[in-house]
């Protein structure tokens, strides 16, 4: 337990930041899921839009220090590689 007023304040701030950071990370995961769903459907417009949102959320989180910048870059690289790989494959039909 915090012994000083400043330590109590830091604990409150930490708890508030933890909740905010948790929601940002959750939004990133949701955006990734939307990209993968759009990729599965094969809808190019929806895929472009979802990818843009995902990359934007990653960049903002990295800029604010919620996730490490290398983590953001790695995730962007992986998703773009996956999109390129899937789009180059011929569709069955």
N, C-alpha and C. Protein backbone atom coordinates (compact mmCIF):
# COMPACT_ATOMS: atom_id res chain seq x y z
N UNK A 1 0.84 -1.19 0.00
CA UNK A 1 0.00 0.00 0.00
C UNK A 1 0.88 1.24 0.00
N UNK A 2 0.41 2.27 -0.66
CA UNK A 2 1.18 3.51 -0.76
C UNK A 2 1.26 4.21 0.59
N UNK A 3 2.45 4.74 0.90
CA UNK A 3 2.67 5.38 2.18
C UNK A 3 2.55 6.90 2.13
N UNK A 4 2.69 7.48 0.97
CA UNK A 4 2.65 8.94 0.85
C UNK A 4 1.55 9.35 -0.12
N UNK A 5 1.20 10.64 -0.06
CA UNK A 5 0.17 11.16 -0.96
C UNK A 5 0.61 11.04 -2.42
N UNK A 6 1.88 11.29 -2.66
CA UNK A 6 2.38 11.21 -4.03
C UNK A 6 2.35 9.77 -4.54
N UNK A 7 2.65 8.83 -3.67
CA UNK A 7 2.61 7.42 -4.06
C UNK A 7 1.17 6.98 -4.33
N UNK A 8 0.23 7.49 -3.55
CA UNK A 8 -1.19 7.19 -3.78
C UNK A 8 -1.63 7.73 -5.15
N UNK A 9 -1.18 8.95 -5.45
CA UNK A 9 -1.53 9.55 -6.73
C UNK A 9 -0.94 8.75 -7.89
N UNK A 10 0.32 8.34 -7.73
CA UNK A 10 0.96 7.54 -8.78
C UNK A 10 0.21 6.23 -8.99
N UNK A 11 -0.27 5.64 -7.91
CA UNK A 11 -1.03 4.39 -8.02
C UNK A 11 -2.33 4.61 -8.79
N UNK A 12 -3.00 5.74 -8.51
CA UNK A 12 -4.23 6.06 -9.24
C UNK A 12 -3.94 6.29 -10.72
N UNK A 13 -2.88 7.04 -11.00
CA UNK A 13 -2.51 7.31 -12.38
C UNK A 13 -2.16 6.03 -13.12
N UNK A 14 -1.43 5.17 -12.44
CA UNK A 14 -1.02 3.91 -13.05
C UNK A 14 -2.23 3.05 -13.40
N UNK A 15 -3.20 2.99 -12.49
CA UNK A 15 -4.40 2.20 -12.73
C UNK A 15 -5.19 2.76 -13.91
N UNK A 16 -5.28 4.09 -13.99
CA UNK A 16 -6.01 4.74 -15.07
C UNK A 16 -5.31 4.49 -16.41
N UNK A 17 -4.00 4.62 -16.44
CA UNK A 17 -3.24 4.39 -17.66
C UNK A 17 -3.32 2.93 -18.10
N UNK A 18 -3.30 2.02 -17.11
CA UNK A 18 -3.39 0.60 -17.41
C UNK A 18 -4.68 0.29 -18.17
N UNK A 19 -5.81 0.86 -17.68
CA UNK A 19 -7.09 0.63 -18.35
C UNK A 19 -7.09 1.20 -19.77
N UNK A 20 -6.54 2.39 -19.92
CA UNK A 20 -6.50 3.01 -21.24
C UNK A 20 -5.63 2.20 -22.20
N UNK A 21 -4.44 1.81 -21.76
CA UNK A 21 -3.53 1.04 -22.60
C UNK A 21 -4.14 -0.31 -22.99
N UNK A 22 -4.85 -0.90 -22.04
CA UNK A 22 -5.50 -2.18 -22.29
C UNK A 22 -6.56 -2.04 -23.39
N UNK A 23 -7.31 -0.94 -23.36
CA UNK A 23 -8.34 -0.73 -24.38
C UNK A 23 -7.72 -0.47 -25.75
N UNK A 24 -6.58 0.23 -25.79
CA UNK A 24 -5.89 0.49 -27.05
C UNK A 24 -5.38 -0.82 -27.65
N UNK A 25 -4.80 -1.67 -26.81
CA UNK A 25 -4.30 -2.96 -27.30
C UNK A 25 -5.45 -3.84 -27.80
N UNK A 26 -6.59 -3.77 -27.13
CA UNK A 26 -7.76 -4.53 -27.55
C UNK A 26 -8.25 -4.03 -28.90
N UNK A 27 -8.24 -2.71 -29.10
CA UNK A 27 -8.66 -2.13 -30.39
C UNK A 27 -7.73 -2.57 -31.51
N UNK A 28 -6.44 -2.70 -31.20
CA UNK A 28 -5.47 -3.16 -32.20
C UNK A 28 -5.79 -4.60 -32.61
N UNK A 29 -6.09 -5.43 -31.63
CA UNK A 29 -6.40 -6.83 -31.92
C UNK A 29 -7.68 -6.95 -32.74
N UNK A 30 -8.67 -6.11 -32.43
CA UNK A 30 -9.92 -6.11 -33.19
C UNK A 30 -9.68 -5.68 -34.63
N UNK A 31 -8.84 -4.66 -34.80
CA UNK A 31 -8.52 -4.18 -36.15
C UNK A 31 -7.81 -5.27 -36.95
N UNK A 32 -6.93 -6.01 -36.30
CA UNK A 32 -6.23 -7.10 -36.97
C UNK A 32 -7.22 -8.19 -37.40
N UNK A 33 -8.17 -8.48 -36.51
CA UNK A 33 -9.16 -9.48 -36.83
C UNK A 33 -10.01 -9.06 -38.04
N UNK A 34 -10.32 -7.78 -38.14
CA UNK A 34 -11.09 -7.27 -39.28
C UNK A 34 -10.30 -7.39 -40.58
N UNK A 35 -8.99 -7.16 -40.50
CA UNK A 35 -8.14 -7.30 -41.69
C UNK A 35 -8.16 -8.76 -42.15
N UNK A 36 -8.00 -9.67 -41.21
CA UNK A 36 -7.98 -11.09 -41.56
C UNK A 36 -9.32 -11.56 -42.13
N UNK A 37 -10.42 -11.02 -41.57
CA UNK A 37 -11.75 -11.38 -42.09
C UNK A 37 -11.93 -10.86 -43.51
N UNK A 38 -11.49 -9.62 -43.75
CA UNK A 38 -11.59 -9.05 -45.10
C UNK A 38 -10.73 -9.83 -46.08
N UNK A 39 -9.59 -10.28 -45.63
CA UNK A 39 -8.70 -11.07 -46.47
C UNK A 39 -9.36 -12.41 -46.82
N UNK A 40 -10.04 -12.98 -45.84
CA UNK A 40 -10.73 -14.25 -46.05
C UNK A 40 -11.87 -14.10 -47.06
N UNK A 41 -12.61 -12.99 -46.96
CA UNK A 41 -13.72 -12.73 -47.89
C UNK A 41 -13.24 -12.45 -49.30
N UNK A 42 -12.10 -11.79 -49.40
CA UNK A 42 -11.57 -11.44 -50.70
C UNK A 42 -12.07 -10.10 -51.21
N UNK A 43 -12.66 -9.31 -50.31
CA UNK A 43 -13.16 -7.98 -50.68
C UNK A 43 -12.02 -6.97 -50.63
N UNK A 44 -11.57 -6.51 -51.81
CA UNK A 44 -10.39 -5.65 -51.89
C UNK A 44 -10.60 -4.30 -51.21
N UNK A 45 -11.78 -3.71 -51.41
CA UNK A 45 -12.04 -2.39 -50.82
C UNK A 45 -12.07 -2.47 -49.30
N UNK A 46 -12.75 -3.47 -48.78
CA UNK A 46 -12.85 -3.66 -47.34
C UNK A 46 -11.46 -3.98 -46.75
N UNK A 47 -10.68 -4.75 -47.48
CA UNK A 47 -9.33 -5.10 -47.05
C UNK A 47 -8.45 -3.86 -46.96
N UNK A 48 -8.53 -3.01 -47.96
CA UNK A 48 -7.75 -1.77 -47.98
C UNK A 48 -8.11 -0.89 -46.79
N UNK A 49 -9.40 -0.75 -46.54
CA UNK A 49 -9.88 0.09 -45.44
C UNK A 49 -9.45 -0.49 -44.09
N UNK A 50 -9.63 -1.78 -43.91
CA UNK A 50 -9.28 -2.43 -42.65
C UNK A 50 -7.78 -2.37 -42.39
N UNK A 51 -6.99 -2.54 -43.44
CA UNK A 51 -5.54 -2.48 -43.30
C UNK A 51 -5.10 -1.08 -42.90
N UNK A 52 -5.72 -0.08 -43.48
CA UNK A 52 -5.40 1.31 -43.16
C UNK A 52 -5.68 1.60 -41.69
N UNK A 53 -6.82 1.13 -41.19
CA UNK A 53 -7.18 1.34 -39.79
C UNK A 53 -6.20 0.61 -38.87
N UNK A 54 -5.86 -0.62 -39.23
CA UNK A 54 -4.93 -1.42 -38.42
C UNK A 54 -3.56 -0.76 -38.33
N UNK A 55 -3.02 -0.34 -39.45
CA UNK A 55 -1.70 0.29 -39.48
C UNK A 55 -1.73 1.61 -38.70
N UNK A 56 -2.81 2.35 -38.83
CA UNK A 56 -2.94 3.61 -38.11
C UNK A 56 -2.95 3.38 -36.60
N UNK A 57 -3.70 2.40 -36.16
CA UNK A 57 -3.76 2.10 -34.72
C UNK A 57 -2.40 1.65 -34.19
N UNK A 58 -1.70 0.84 -34.98
CA UNK A 58 -0.36 0.40 -34.57
C UNK A 58 0.59 1.59 -34.44
N UNK A 59 0.56 2.47 -35.43
CA UNK A 59 1.45 3.63 -35.41
C UNK A 59 1.17 4.56 -34.23
N UNK A 60 -0.11 4.79 -33.97
CA UNK A 60 -0.48 5.66 -32.85
C UNK A 60 -0.06 5.06 -31.52
N UNK A 61 -0.28 3.76 -31.37
CA UNK A 61 0.10 3.09 -30.12
C UNK A 61 1.61 3.13 -29.93
N UNK A 62 2.36 2.95 -31.00
CA UNK A 62 3.82 3.00 -30.92
C UNK A 62 4.29 4.40 -30.60
N UNK A 63 3.66 5.39 -31.19
CA UNK A 63 4.04 6.79 -30.96
C UNK A 63 3.82 7.17 -29.49
N UNK A 64 2.75 6.65 -28.90
CA UNK A 64 2.42 6.97 -27.52
C UNK A 64 3.13 6.07 -26.51
N UNK A 65 3.86 5.07 -27.00
CA UNK A 65 4.62 4.21 -26.10
C UNK A 65 3.81 3.08 -25.51
N UNK A 66 2.64 2.81 -26.06
CA UNK A 66 1.81 1.73 -25.55
C UNK A 66 2.38 0.38 -25.98
N UNK A 67 2.86 0.34 -27.22
CA UNK A 67 3.61 -0.82 -27.69
C UNK A 67 4.95 -0.31 -28.24
N UNK A 68 5.91 -1.19 -28.32
CA UNK A 68 7.23 -0.81 -28.83
C UNK A 68 7.15 -0.58 -30.33
N UNK A 69 7.95 0.35 -30.83
CA UNK A 69 7.89 0.68 -32.26
C UNK A 69 8.29 -0.51 -33.13
N UNK A 70 9.22 -1.33 -32.66
CA UNK A 70 9.61 -2.51 -33.45
C UNK A 70 8.48 -3.53 -33.51
N UNK A 71 7.69 -3.62 -32.45
CA UNK A 71 6.54 -4.51 -32.44
C UNK A 71 5.52 -4.05 -33.47
N UNK A 72 5.28 -2.74 -33.52
CA UNK A 72 4.36 -2.18 -34.51
C UNK A 72 4.86 -2.47 -35.92
N UNK A 73 6.14 -2.22 -36.16
CA UNK A 73 6.72 -2.46 -37.48
C UNK A 73 6.66 -3.93 -37.87
N UNK A 74 6.93 -4.80 -36.92
CA UNK A 74 6.88 -6.24 -37.18
C UNK A 74 5.46 -6.68 -37.56
N UNK A 75 4.47 -6.17 -36.82
CA UNK A 75 3.08 -6.53 -37.11
C UNK A 75 2.64 -6.00 -38.47
N UNK A 76 3.05 -4.78 -38.81
CA UNK A 76 2.71 -4.22 -40.12
C UNK A 76 3.36 -5.04 -41.23
N UNK A 77 4.59 -5.44 -41.03
CA UNK A 77 5.29 -6.23 -42.03
C UNK A 77 4.62 -7.58 -42.22
N UNK A 78 4.27 -8.22 -41.14
CA UNK A 78 3.65 -9.54 -41.24
C UNK A 78 2.31 -9.49 -41.95
N UNK A 79 1.51 -8.47 -41.64
CA UNK A 79 0.19 -8.40 -42.27
C UNK A 79 0.32 -8.07 -43.75
N UNK A 80 1.28 -7.20 -44.10
CA UNK A 80 1.44 -6.86 -45.51
C UNK A 80 1.99 -8.04 -46.31
N UNK A 81 2.87 -8.82 -45.69
CA UNK A 81 3.38 -10.03 -46.34
C UNK A 81 2.26 -11.03 -46.56
N UNK A 82 1.40 -11.18 -45.57
CA UNK A 82 0.27 -12.10 -45.68
C UNK A 82 -0.68 -11.67 -46.78
N UNK A 83 -0.95 -10.37 -46.84
CA UNK A 83 -1.84 -9.84 -47.88
C UNK A 83 -1.24 -10.07 -49.27
N UNK A 84 0.05 -9.80 -49.40
CA UNK A 84 0.72 -9.99 -50.69
C UNK A 84 0.70 -11.46 -51.10
N UNK A 85 0.93 -12.33 -50.14
CA UNK A 85 0.95 -13.77 -50.42
C UNK A 85 -0.43 -14.27 -50.86
N UNK A 86 -1.46 -13.83 -50.14
CA UNK A 86 -2.82 -14.27 -50.45
C UNK A 86 -3.33 -13.69 -51.77
N UNK A 87 -2.96 -12.45 -52.05
CA UNK A 87 -3.46 -11.82 -53.27
C UNK A 87 -2.78 -12.38 -54.52
N UNK A 88 -1.58 -12.92 -54.35
CA UNK A 88 -0.88 -13.49 -55.51
C UNK A 88 -1.32 -14.91 -55.83
N UNK A 89 -2.01 -15.54 -54.87
CA UNK A 89 -2.48 -16.92 -55.09
C UNK A 89 -3.69 -16.91 -56.02
N UNK A 90 -3.73 -17.84 -56.96
CA UNK A 90 -4.91 -17.92 -57.83
C UNK A 90 -6.10 -18.45 -57.04
N UNK A 91 -7.29 -17.92 -57.34
CA UNK A 91 -8.49 -18.36 -56.64
C UNK A 91 -9.05 -19.61 -57.31
N UNK A 92 -9.61 -20.47 -56.50
CA UNK A 92 -10.21 -21.70 -57.04
C UNK A 92 -11.54 -21.37 -57.69
N UNK A 93 -11.77 -21.85 -58.85
CA UNK A 93 -13.07 -21.55 -59.46
C UNK A 93 -13.05 -21.94 -60.84
